């Protein structure tokens, strides 16, 4: 009743001082309608309310409101209409018992601009799987950088962007010296004052049956490496969390009997480029669960990896294998630099293996 009293006072402020009895609508009429509705609800909800006493309350509120308010002439009929709509909501329609139930409206379509766009790196990793790449199940502990909540490949790659930039710095030909060509693979070396030993680079064209995922799978699967790398003694996967990284242990034969065999713990990461290229960065890392083997010298891959670029032929890719390796042990740095180019010999072996798979 107090709310009705306040509403009636507001209505009276907009009613003309001289109201015509022929007026189609007045605040008094509207108030009566509202109050009648409230009377009915009160009477239904409580048997102790009598309709007559409620009408008396209505008369009391109406007289009190008129006494409190100085009537102000209405400036605009539209103003009364606006106030009417604000103070008195439109009553809900009474449902027809014979009417058919209304069909539920279909959900409103989300505009394209409101949809969350999938990050490019994550989309590319997903498409690589859809094209036929096999997704290895998660294996081993997770590195802290991949344990963050809501982590995407896009965020992960941007965090390690400097590693991929360093890999791409091997691609320009400035400062590289041609060493040899074997089975269609060109091998180069470069003395970089920022590196402890000479860098190597090997490049060739490689054929595939269906897509680039074949190259990625065969390069990153250490259990398959024996099929194309005769220098490999053994390979073991330590951690695998696609599409973020893989960590593996490789044990390699020494090129001479007077030199000890080497092993490396390699951490590999992947990045997709807008032109369809794929970067596989490789760096040495440590693993507390994999101590050094006394039968091997732990070598270090300072920087390196593979750069895979598409060509005009969708089944042919240009592959570059490059890096800088510190063999450690007792090998002098100048000797390591002299034989650095031999690191590139693994690429023609891999290309021969891939080409044989394509022709078979």
Foldseek 3Di string as FASTA:
>chain_A
DVVLLVLLLVQQQQFAPDDDPPDPDGSVVVSVVVLVVVLVVVVVVDVPDDSVVSVVVVVVSNVVSVVVHDHDYHPDPVVSVVSCCVSDPDDDDDDDPPDDDDDDDPDDDDDPVPDDDDDPFQVVLVVLVVQPADADPWAADDDPLPPDPPDDLVVLCVVVVVQVVVQCVVPDCPQWDWDDDDLAKTKTWHDDPVALAIKIKIKGKFFAARAPSVVVVCVPPQQNLVVQDVFWPGKAWHTDDPPAKTWIKTWGHDPDPVDATAMFIKIWHWGADPQGKIWIKIWGDDDPVDDDDPRHDYKTFHIWTKIWAADPDRRMIMIMTMGDIGRDDPDDRHNCNVCNRVVNVSVSSVRVVNVVVNVD
